[in-house]
Amino acid sequence: MPQIRPVSDLRNKFADISKIVHETSEPVFLTKNGYGDMVVMSIEAYENRLFKSEISLKLREAELEAKSTKKRYSHNEVFSDLRAKLSSRKDIDNVQA
């Protein structure tokens, strides 16, 4: 069940709100004059949501690309390409260091 609190709680009960967002990893919705105004969440929860959103976007892009072409890649092709990219990245990092 979502936590809905008045925005004044952000000032008056900050510790309570902080505890809620960190213990539950869920956002707290803040209202102003009875209407939704802000959402407060922990940085960890925010980053997790961004990560999931980015993964979802990449999967949708991959599905669209798969529908637009008949080309398919084998397991070996994908992992060989990935290993090559990681190897070249290590080489670049070593040169910069």
PDB file of N, CA and C in Angstrom:
ATOM      1  N   MET A   1       0.845  -1.177   0.000  1.00  0.00           N
ATOM      2  CA  MET A   1       0.000   0.000   0.000  1.00  0.00           C
ATOM      3  C   MET A   1       0.891   1.241   0.000  1.00  0.00           C
ATOM      4  N   PRO A   2       0.624   2.184  -0.901  1.00  0.00           N
ATOM      5  CA  PRO A   2       1.498   3.364  -0.974  1.00  0.00           C
ATOM      6  C   PRO A   2       1.399   4.234   0.269  1.00  0.00           C
ATOM      7  N   GLN A   3       2.529   4.811   0.619  1.00  0.00           N
ATOM      8  CA  GLN A   3       2.588   5.765   1.721  1.00  0.00           C
ATOM      9  C   GLN A   3       2.278   7.152   1.169  1.00  0.00           C
ATOM     10  N   ILE A   4       1.238   7.773   1.700  1.00  0.00           N
ATOM     11  CA  ILE A   4       0.864   9.125   1.286  1.00  0.00           C
ATOM     12  C   ILE A   4       0.893  10.011   2.519  1.00  0.00           C
ATOM     13  N   ARG A   5       1.705  11.073   2.442  1.00  0.00           N
ATOM     14  CA  ARG A   5       1.886  11.951   3.595  1.00  0.00           C
ATOM     15  C   ARG A   5       1.768  13.404   3.137  1.00  0.00           C
ATOM     16  N   PRO A   6       1.408  14.302   4.041  1.00  0.00           N
ATOM     17  CA  PRO A   6       1.422  15.723   3.685  1.00  0.00           C
ATOM     18  C   PRO A   6       2.864  16.198   3.543  1.00  0.00           C
ATOM     19  N   VAL A   7       3.080  17.166   2.666  1.00  0.00           N
ATOM     20  CA  VAL A   7       4.421  17.666   2.414  1.00  0.00           C
ATOM     21  C   VAL A   7       5.063  18.243   3.679  1.00  0.00           C
ATOM     22  N   SER A   8       4.250  18.696   4.611  1.00  0.00           N
ATOM     23  CA  SER A   8       4.796  19.231   5.872  1.00  0.00           C
ATOM     24  C   SER A   8       5.551  18.156   6.647  1.00  0.00           C
ATOM     25  N   ASP A   9       5.220  16.873   6.429  1.00  0.00           N
ATOM     26  CA  ASP A   9       5.943  15.790   7.096  1.00  0.00           C
ATOM     27  C   ASP A   9       7.397  15.721   6.655  1.00  0.00           C
ATOM     28  N   LEU A  10       7.674  16.228   5.465  1.00  0.00           N
ATOM     29  CA  LEU A  10       9.059  16.223   4.996  1.00  0.00           C
ATOM     30  C   LEU A  10       9.933  17.064   5.918  1.00  0.00           C
ATOM     31  N   ARG A  11       9.374  18.148   6.416  1.00  0.00           N
ATOM     32  CA  ARG A  11      10.109  19.017   7.337  1.00  0.00           C
ATOM     33  C   ARG A  11       9.969  18.526   8.780  1.00  0.00           C
ATOM     34  N   ASN A  12       8.751  18.195   9.175  1.00  0.00           N
ATOM     35  CA  ASN A  12       8.476  17.878  10.575  1.00  0.00           C
ATOM     36  C   ASN A  12       8.799  16.440  10.975  1.00  0.00           C
ATOM     37  N   LYS A  13       8.759  15.527  10.010  1.00  0.00           N
ATOM     38  CA  LYS A  13       8.990  14.102  10.315  1.00  0.00           C
ATOM     39  C   LYS A  13       9.946  13.487   9.304  1.00  0.00           C
ATOM     40  N   PHE A  14      11.000  14.225   8.998  1.00  0.00           N
ATOM     41  CA  PHE A  14      11.959  13.769   7.998  1.00  0.00           C
ATOM     42  C   PHE A  14      12.523  12.395   8.336  1.00  0.00           C
ATOM     43  N   ALA A  15      12.882  12.180   9.591  1.00  0.00           N
ATOM     44  CA  ALA A  15      13.478  10.904   9.993  1.00  0.00           C
ATOM     45  C   ALA A  15      12.522   9.743   9.731  1.00  0.00           C
ATOM     46  N   ASP A  16      11.229   9.952   9.975  1.00  0.00           N
ATOM     47  CA  ASP A  16      10.235   8.901   9.718  1.00  0.00           C
ATOM     48  C   ASP A  16      10.161   8.578   8.222  1.00  0.00           C
ATOM     49  N   ILE A  17      10.130   9.616   7.411  1.00  0.00           N
ATOM     50  CA  ILE A  17      10.047   9.408   5.967  1.00  0.00           C
ATOM     51  C   ILE A  17      11.310   8.720   5.462  1.00  0.00           C
ATOM     52  N   SER A  18      12.452   9.154   5.935  1.00  0.00           N
ATOM     53  CA  SER A  18      13.718   8.533   5.546  1.00  0.00           C
ATOM     54  C   SER A  18      13.727   7.054   5.915  1.00  0.00           C
ATOM     55  N   LYS A  19      13.269   6.741   7.095  1.00  0.00           N
ATOM     56  CA  LYS A  19      13.221   5.346   7.542  1.00  0.00           C
ATOM     57  C   LYS A  19      12.308   4.516   6.636  1.00  0.00           C
ATOM     58  N   ILE A  20      11.166   5.054   6.297  1.00  0.00           N
ATOM     59  CA  ILE A  20      10.210   4.339   5.435  1.00  0.00           C
ATOM     60  C   ILE A  20      10.824   4.034   4.069  1.00  0.00           C
ATOM     61  N   VAL A  21      11.395   5.054   3.423  1.00  0.00           N
ATOM     62  CA  VAL A  21      11.907   4.849   2.067  1.00  0.00           C
ATOM     63  C   VAL A  21      13.111   3.910   2.041  1.00  0.00           C
ATOM     64  N   HIS A  22      13.906   3.903   3.110  1.00  0.00           N
ATOM     65  CA  HIS A  22      15.068   3.013   3.136  1.00  0.00           C
ATOM     66  C   HIS A  22      14.701   1.590   3.538  1.00  0.00           C
ATOM     67  N   GLU A  23      13.775   1.434   4.439  1.00  0.00           N
ATOM     68  CA  GLU A  23      13.405   0.086   4.890  1.00  0.00           C
ATOM     69  C   GLU A  23      12.517  -0.638   3.888  1.00  0.00           C
ATOM     70  N   THR A  24      11.648   0.094   3.199  1.00  0.00           N
ATOM     71  CA  THR A  24      10.705  -0.555   2.295  1.00  0.00           C
ATOM     72  C   THR A  24      11.146  -0.503   0.834  1.00  0.00           C
ATOM     73  N   SER A  25      12.092   0.366   0.509  1.00  0.00           N
ATOM     74  CA  SER A  25      12.510   0.621  -0.879  1.00  0.00           C
ATOM     75  C   SER A  25      11.342   1.084  -1.745  1.00  0.00           C
ATOM     76  N   GLU A  26      10.316   1.608  -1.112  1.00  0.00           N
ATOM     77  CA  GLU A  26       9.147   2.131  -1.806  1.00  0.00           C
ATOM     78  C   GLU A  26       9.109   3.655  -1.655  1.00  0.00           C
ATOM     79  N   PRO A  27       8.517   4.334  -2.623  1.00  0.00           N
ATOM     80  CA  PRO A  27       8.433   5.795  -2.522  1.00  0.00           C
ATOM     81  C   PRO A  27       7.371   6.245  -1.525  1.00  0.00           C
ATOM     82  N   VAL A  28       7.529   7.461  -1.049  1.00  0.00           N
ATOM     83  CA  VAL A  28       6.510   8.120  -0.232  1.00  0.00           C
ATOM     84  C   VAL A  28       5.958   9.262  -1.077  1.00  0.00           C
ATOM     85  N   PHE A  29       4.642   9.291  -1.233  1.00  0.00           N
ATOM     86  CA  PHE A  29       3.975  10.328  -2.016  1.00  0.00           C
ATOM     87  C   PHE A  29       3.585  11.455  -1.076  1.00  0.00           C
ATOM     88  N   LEU A  30       3.977  12.669  -1.439  1.00  0.00           N
ATOM     89  CA  LEU A  30       3.698  13.834  -0.601  1.00  0.00           C
ATOM     90  C   LEU A  30       2.606  14.677  -1.251  1.00  0.00           C
ATOM     91  N   THR A  31       1.677  15.124  -0.409  1.00  0.00           N
ATOM     92  CA  THR A  31       0.577  15.946  -0.900  1.00  0.00           C
ATOM     93  C   THR A  31       0.702  17.374  -0.390  1.00  0.00           C
ATOM     94  N   LYS A  32       0.141  18.293  -1.170  1.00  0.00           N
ATOM     95  CA  LYS A  32       0.092  19.704  -0.778  1.00  0.00           C
ATOM     96  C   LYS A  32      -1.342  20.166  -1.023  1.00  0.00           C
ATOM     97  N   ASN A  33      -1.979  20.617   0.044  1.00  0.00           N
ATOM     98  CA  ASN A  33      -3.381  21.027  -0.032  1.00  0.00           C
ATOM     99  C   ASN A  33      -4.274  19.916  -0.576  1.00  0.00           C
ATOM    100  N   GLY A  34      -3.936  18.667  -0.206  1.00  0.00           N
ATOM    101  CA  GLY A  34      -4.761  17.528  -0.591  1.00  0.00           C
ATOM    102  C   GLY A  34      -4.498  16.963  -1.972  1.00  0.00           C
ATOM    103  N   TYR A  35      -3.548  17.529  -2.701  1.00  0.00           N
ATOM    104  CA  TYR A  35      -3.234  17.062  -4.046  1.00  0.00           C
ATOM    105  C   TYR A  35      -1.796  16.558  -4.105  1.00  0.00           C
ATOM    106  N   GLY A  36      -1.553  15.576  -4.958  1.00  0.00           N
ATOM    107  CA  GLY A  36      -0.202  15.055  -5.130  1.00  0.00           C
ATOM    108  C   GLY A  36       0.763  16.151  -5.531  1.00  0.00           C
ATOM    109  N   ASP A  37       1.929  16.171  -4.888  1.00  0.00           N
ATOM    110  CA  ASP A  37       2.904  17.230  -5.158  1.00  0.00           C
ATOM    111  C   ASP A  37       4.284  16.666  -5.480  1.00  0.00           C
ATOM    112  N   MET A  38       4.765  15.694  -4.691  1.00  0.00           N
ATOM    113  CA  MET A  38       6.113  15.157  -4.865  1.00  0.00           C
ATOM    114  C   MET A  38       6.149  13.688  -4.492  1.00  0.00           C
ATOM    115  N   VAL A  39       7.258  13.063  -4.907  1.00  0.00           N
ATOM    116  CA  VAL A  39       7.538  11.686  -4.520  1.00  0.00           C
ATOM    117  C   VAL A  39       8.946  11.665  -3.947  1.00  0.00           C
ATOM    118  N   VAL A  40       9.112  11.006  -2.809  1.00  0.00           N
ATOM    119  CA  VAL A  40      10.431  10.869  -2.179  1.00  0.00           C
ATOM    120  C   VAL A  40      10.784   9.389  -2.158  1.00  0.00           C
ATOM    121  N   MET A  41      12.019   9.091  -2.572  1.00  0.00           N
ATOM    122  CA  MET A  41      12.478   7.703  -2.515  1.00  0.00           C
ATOM    123  C   MET A  41      13.972   7.682  -2.246  1.00  0.00           C
ATOM    124  N   SER A  42      14.454   6.528  -1.815  1.00  0.00           N
ATOM    125  CA  SER A  42      15.886   6.404  -1.557  1.00  0.00           C
ATOM    126  C   SER A  42      16.638   6.419  -2.886  1.00  0.00           C
ATOM    127  N   ILE A  43      17.889   6.794  -2.835  1.00  0.00           N
ATOM    128  CA  ILE A  43      18.715   6.807  -4.039  1.00  0.00           C
ATOM    129  C   ILE A  43      18.814   5.401  -4.620  1.00  0.00           C
ATOM    130  N   GLU A  44      18.968   4.413  -3.762  1.00  0.00           N
ATOM    131  CA  GLU A  44      19.073   3.030  -4.227  1.00  0.00           C
ATOM    132  C   GLU A  44      17.809   2.608  -4.990  1.00  0.00           C
ATOM    133  N   ALA A  45      16.643   2.920  -4.449  1.00  0.00           N
ATOM    134  CA  ALA A  45      15.385   2.577  -5.118  1.00  0.00           C
ATOM    135  C   ALA A  45      15.263   3.324  -6.443  1.00  0.00           C
ATOM    136  N   TYR A  46      15.668   4.577  -6.447  1.00  0.00           N
ATOM    137  CA  TYR A  46      15.621   5.386  -7.669  1.00  0.00           C
ATOM    138  C   TYR A  46      16.524   4.786  -8.749  1.00  0.00           C
ATOM    139  N   GLU A  47      17.754   4.446  -8.373  1.00  0.00           N
ATOM    140  CA  GLU A  47      18.693   3.868  -9.332  1.00  0.00           C
ATOM    141  C   GLU A  47      18.191   2.527  -9.852  1.00  0.00           C
ATOM    142  N   ASN A  48      17.581   1.720  -8.975  1.00  0.00           N
ATOM    143  CA  ASN A  48      17.013   0.438  -9.408  1.00  0.00           C
ATOM    144  C   ASN A  48      15.901   0.661 -10.425  1.00  0.00           C
ATOM    145  N   ARG A  49      15.062   1.647 -10.192  1.00  0.00           N
ATOM    146  CA  ARG A  49      13.975   1.946 -11.137  1.00  0.00           C
ATOM    147  C   ARG A  49      14.530   2.436 -12.468  1.00  0.00           C
ATOM    148  N   LEU A  50      15.562   3.263 -12.425  1.00  0.00           N
ATOM    149  CA  LEU A  50      16.185   3.722 -13.665  1.00  0.00           C
ATOM    150  C   LEU A  50      16.777   2.553 -14.442  1.00  0.00           C
ATOM    151  N   PHE A  51      17.448   1.665 -13.727  1.00  0.00           N
ATOM    152  CA  PHE A  51      18.074   0.500 -14.351  1.00  0.00           C
ATOM    153  C   PHE A  51      17.012  -0.379 -15.012  1.00  0.00           C
ATOM    154  N   LYS A  52      15.928  -0.648 -14.291  1.00  0.00           N
ATOM    155  CA  LYS A  52      14.851  -1.478 -14.849  1.00  0.00           C
ATOM    156  C   LYS A  52      14.211  -0.802 -16.051  1.00  0.00           C
ATOM    157  N   SER A  53      14.060   0.500 -15.983  1.00  0.00           N
ATOM    158  CA  SER A  53      13.483   1.246 -17.089  1.00  0.00           C
ATOM    159  C   SER A  53      14.393   1.171 -18.318  1.00  0.00           C
ATOM    160  N   GLU A  54      15.694   1.291 -18.099  1.00  0.00           N
ATOM    161  CA  GLU A  54      16.647   1.226 -19.197  1.00  0.00           C
ATOM    162  C   GLU A  54      16.655  -0.168 -19.820  1.00  0.00           C
ATOM    163  N   ILE A  55      16.596  -1.200 -18.993  1.00  0.00           N
ATOM    164  CA  ILE A  55      16.555  -2.562 -19.515  1.00  0.00           C
ATOM    165  C   ILE A  55      15.296  -2.771 -20.347  1.00  0.00           C
ATOM    166  N   SER A  56      14.177  -2.291 -19.839  1.00  0.00           N
ATOM    167  CA  SER A  56      12.911  -2.419 -20.562  1.00  0.00           C
ATOM    168  C   SER A  56      12.985  -1.717 -21.920  1.00  0.00           C
ATOM    169  N   LEU A  57      13.561  -0.538 -21.951  1.00  0.00           N
ATOM    170  CA  LEU A  57      13.715   0.207 -23.198  1.00  0.00           C
ATOM    171  C   LEU A  57      14.593  -0.562 -24.174  1.00  0.00           C
ATOM    172  N   LYS A  58      15.708  -1.095 -23.697  1.00  0.00           N
ATOM    173  CA  LYS A  58      16.617  -1.849 -24.568  1.00  0.00           C
ATOM    174  C   LYS A  58      15.946  -3.113 -25.104  1.00  0.00           C
ATOM    175  N   LEU A  59      15.139  -3.774 -24.277  1.00  0.00           N
ATOM    176  CA  LEU A  59      14.424  -4.963 -24.744  1.00  0.00           C
ATOM    177  C   LEU A  59      13.407  -4.608 -25.826  1.00  0.00           C
ATOM    178  N   ARG A  60      12.698  -3.489 -25.648  1.00  0.00           N
ATOM    179  CA  ARG A  60      11.743  -3.045 -26.671  1.00  0.00           C
ATOM    180  C   ARG A  60      12.463  -2.718 -27.986  1.00  0.00           C
ATOM    181  N   GLU A  61      13.626  -2.058 -27.873  1.00  0.00           N
ATOM    182  CA  GLU A  61      14.413  -1.753 -29.075  1.00  0.00           C
ATOM    183  C   GLU A  61      14.829  -3.046 -29.772  1.00  0.00           C
ATOM    184  N   ALA A  62      15.258  -4.040 -28.993  1.00  0.00           N
ATOM    185  CA  ALA A  62      15.684  -5.317 -29.568  1.00  0.00           C
ATOM    186  C   ALA A  62      14.510  -6.031 -30.234  1.00  0.00           C
ATOM    187  N   GLU A  63      13.335  -5.973 -29.631  1.00  0.00           N
ATOM    188  CA  GLU A  63      12.153  -6.601 -30.230  1.00  0.00           C
ATOM    189  C   GLU A  63      11.797  -5.936 -31.554  1.00  0.00           C
ATOM    190  N   LEU A  64      11.857  -4.605 -31.599  1.00  0.00           N
ATOM    191  CA  LEU A  64      11.570  -3.892 -32.846  1.00  0.00           C
ATOM    192  C   LEU A  64      12.587  -4.236 -33.929  1.00  0.00           C
ATOM    193  N   GLU A  65      13.839  -4.305 -33.553  1.00  0.00           N
ATOM    194  CA  GLU A  65      14.876  -4.660 -34.520  1.00  0.00           C
ATOM    195  C   GLU A  65      14.681  -6.091 -35.006  1.00  0.00           C
ATOM    196  N   ALA A  66      14.332  -6.997 -34.102  1.00  0.00           N
ATOM    197  CA  ALA A  66      14.107  -8.394 -34.483  1.00  0.00           C
ATOM    198  C   ALA A  66      12.947  -8.515 -35.469  1.00  0.00           C
ATOM    199  N   LYS A  67      11.920  -7.680 -35.300  1.00  0.00           N
ATOM    200  CA  LYS A  67      10.776  -7.714 -36.212  1.00  0.00           C
ATOM    201  C   LYS A  67      11.125  -7.140 -37.579  1.00  0.00           C
ATOM    202  N   SER A  68      12.114  -6.246 -37.618  1.00  0.00           N
ATOM    203  CA  SER A  68      12.428  -5.555 -38.873  1.00  0.00           C
ATOM    204  C   SER A  68      13.478  -6.269 -39.713  1.00  0.00           C
ATOM    205  N   THR A  69      14.067  -7.340 -39.217  1.00  0.00           N
ATOM    206  CA  THR A  69      15.102  -8.047 -39.964  1.00  0.00           C
ATOM    207  C   THR A  69      14.995  -9.554 -39.738  1.00  0.00           C
ATOM    208  N   LYS A  70      15.509 -10.288 -40.697  1.00  0.00           N
ATOM    209  CA  LYS A  70      15.515 -11.753 -40.580  1.00  0.00           C
ATOM    210  C   LYS A  70      16.831 -12.253 -39.992  1.00  0.00           C
ATOM    211  N   LYS A  71      17.814 -11.354 -39.863  1.00  0.00           N
ATOM    212  CA  LYS A  71      19.136 -11.734 -39.378  1.00  0.00           C
ATOM    213  C   LYS A  71      19.053 -12.172 -37.923  1.00  0.00           C
ATOM    214  N   ARG A  72      19.640 -13.312 -37.623  1.00  0.00           N
ATOM    215  CA  ARG A  72      19.709 -13.828 -36.259  1.00  0.00           C
ATOM    216  C   ARG A  72      21.166 -14.175 -35.959  1.00  0.00           C
ATOM    217  N   TYR A  73      21.530 -14.056 -34.700  1.00  0.00           N
ATOM    218  CA  TYR A  73      22.901 -14.312 -34.280  1.00  0.00           C
ATOM    219  C   TYR A  73      22.940 -15.535 -33.383  1.00  0.00           C
ATOM    220  N   SER A  74      23.977 -16.333 -33.564  1.00  0.00           N
ATOM    221  CA  SER A  74      24.146 -17.515 -32.714  1.00  0.00           C
ATOM    222  C   SER A  74      24.756 -17.088 -31.379  1.00  0.00           C
ATOM    223  N   HIS A  75      24.683 -17.987 -30.450  1.00  0.00           N
ATOM    224  CA  HIS A  75      25.288 -17.767 -29.132  1.00  0.00           C
ATOM    225  C   HIS A  75      26.772 -17.433 -29.289  1.00  0.00           C
ATOM    226  N   ASN A  76      27.466 -18.207 -30.120  1.00  0.00           N
ATOM    227  CA  ASN A  76      28.907 -17.994 -30.313  1.00  0.00           C
ATOM    228  C   ASN A  76      29.198 -16.628 -30.928  1.00  0.00           C
ATOM    229  N   GLU A  77      28.394 -16.196 -31.894  1.00  0.00           N
ATOM    230  CA  GLU A  77      28.599 -14.888 -32.514  1.00  0.00           C
ATOM    231  C   GLU A  77      28.439 -13.758 -31.499  1.00  0.00           C
ATOM    232  N   VAL A  78      27.402 -13.850 -30.687  1.00  0.00           N
ATOM    233  CA  VAL A  78      27.126 -12.805 -29.694  1.00  0.00           C
ATOM    234  C   VAL A  78      28.255 -12.721 -28.682  1.00  0.00           C
ATOM    235  N   PHE A  79      28.658 -13.865 -28.135  1.00  0.00           N
ATOM    236  CA  PHE A  79      29.679 -13.837 -27.091  1.00  0.00           C
ATOM    237  C   PHE A  79      31.069 -13.539 -27.642  1.00  0.00           C
ATOM    238  N   SER A  80      31.352 -13.939 -28.875  1.00  0.00           N
ATOM    239  CA  SER A  80      32.639 -13.574 -29.481  1.00  0.00           C
ATOM    240  C   SER A  80      32.731 -12.068 -29.653  1.00  0.00           C
ATOM    241  N   ASP A  81      31.645 -11.468 -30.146  1.00  0.00           N
ATOM    242  CA  ASP A  81      31.607 -10.019 -30.315  1.00  0.00           C
ATOM    243  C   ASP A  81      31.747  -9.310 -28.963  1.00  0.00           C
ATOM    244  N   LEU A  82      31.050  -9.808 -27.956  1.00  0.00           N
ATOM    245  CA  LEU A  82      31.122  -9.214 -26.624  1.00  0.00           C
ATOM    246  C   LEU A  82      32.531  -9.314 -26.054  1.00  0.00           C
ATOM    247  N   ARG A  83      33.160 -10.481 -26.208  1.00  0.00           N
ATOM    248  CA  ARG A  83      34.541 -10.642 -25.704  1.00  0.00           C
ATOM    249  C   ARG A  83      35.493  -9.674 -26.407  1.00  0.00           C
ATOM    250  N   ALA A  84      35.313  -9.506 -27.708  1.00  0.00           N
ATOM    251  CA  ALA A  84      36.178  -8.591 -28.466  1.00  0.00           C
ATOM    252  C   ALA A  84      36.002  -7.156 -27.975  1.00  0.00           C
ATOM    253  N   LYS A  85      34.756  -6.767 -27.734  1.00  0.00           N
ATOM    254  CA  LYS A  85      34.501  -5.405 -27.240  1.00  0.00           C
ATOM    255  C   LYS A  85      35.095  -5.207 -25.850  1.00  0.00           C
ATOM    256  N   LEU A  86      34.945  -6.201 -24.985  1.00  0.00           N
ATOM    257  CA  LEU A  86      35.519  -6.091 -23.646  1.00  0.00           C
ATOM    258  C   LEU A  86      37.039  -6.049 -23.692  1.00  0.00           C
ATOM    259  N   SER A  87      37.630  -6.831 -24.566  1.00  0.00           N
ATOM    260  CA  SER A  87      39.084  -6.850 -24.706  1.00  0.00           C
ATOM    261  C   SER A  87      39.595  -5.499 -25.193  1.00  0.00           C
ATOM    262  N   SER A  88      38.931  -4.917 -26.179  1.00  0.00           N
ATOM    263  CA  SER A  88      39.379  -3.617 -26.679  1.00  0.00           C
ATOM    264  C   SER A  88      39.178  -2.531 -25.630  1.00  0.00           C
ATOM    265  N   ARG A  89      38.156  -2.681 -24.820  1.00  0.00           N
ATOM    266  CA  ARG A  89      37.922  -1.717 -23.748  1.00  0.00           C
ATOM    267  C   ARG A  89      39.039  -1.796 -22.698  1.00  0.00           C
ATOM    268  N   LYS A  90      39.469  -3.025 -22.384  1.00  0.00           N
ATOM    269  CA  LYS A  90      40.584  -3.196 -21.436  1.00  0.00           C
ATOM    270  C   LYS A  90      41.843  -2.552 -22.004  1.00  0.00           C
ATOM    271  N   ASP A  91      42.071  -2.746 -23.327  1.00  0.00           N
ATOM    272  CA  ASP A  91      43.246  -2.152 -23.957  1.00  0.00           C
ATOM    273  C   ASP A  91      43.209  -0.635 -23.850  1.00  0.00           C
ATOM    274  N   ILE A  92      42.059  -0.044 -24.068  1.00  0.00           N
ATOM    275  CA  ILE A  92      41.914   1.418 -23.968  1.00  0.00           C
ATOM    276  C   ILE A  92      42.158   1.877 -22.549  1.00  0.00           C
ATOM    277  N   ASP A  93      41.586   1.137 -21.564  1.00  0.00           N
ATOM    278  CA  ASP A  93      41.785   1.498 -20.160  1.00  0.00           C
ATOM    279  C   ASP A  93      43.253   1.398 -19.771  1.00  0.00           C
ATOM    280  N   ASN A  94      43.966   0.393 -20.275  1.00  0.00           N
ATOM    281  CA  ASN A  94      45.385   0.231 -19.958  1.00  0.00           C
ATOM    282  C   ASN A  94      46.217   1.372 -20.556  1.00  0.00           C
ATOM    283  N   VAL A  95      45.868   1.825 -21.749  1.00  0.00           N
ATOM    284  CA  VAL A  95      46.593   2.923 -22.384  1.00  0.00           C
ATOM    285  C   VAL A  95      46.379   4.218 -21.604  1.00  0.00           C
ATOM    286  N   GLN A  96      45.152   4.447 -21.131  1.00  0.00           N
ATOM    287  CA  GLN A  96      44.840   5.661 -20.393  1.00  0.00           C
ATOM    288  C   GLN A  96      45.470   5.671 -19.005  1.00  0.00           C
ATOM    289  N   ALA A  97      45.737   4.512 -18.447  1.00  0.00           N
ATOM    290  CA  ALA A  97      46.283   4.431 -17.088  1.00  0.00           C
ATOM    291  C   ALA A  97      47.737   4.719 -17.069  1.00  0.00           C
TER     292      ALA A  97
END
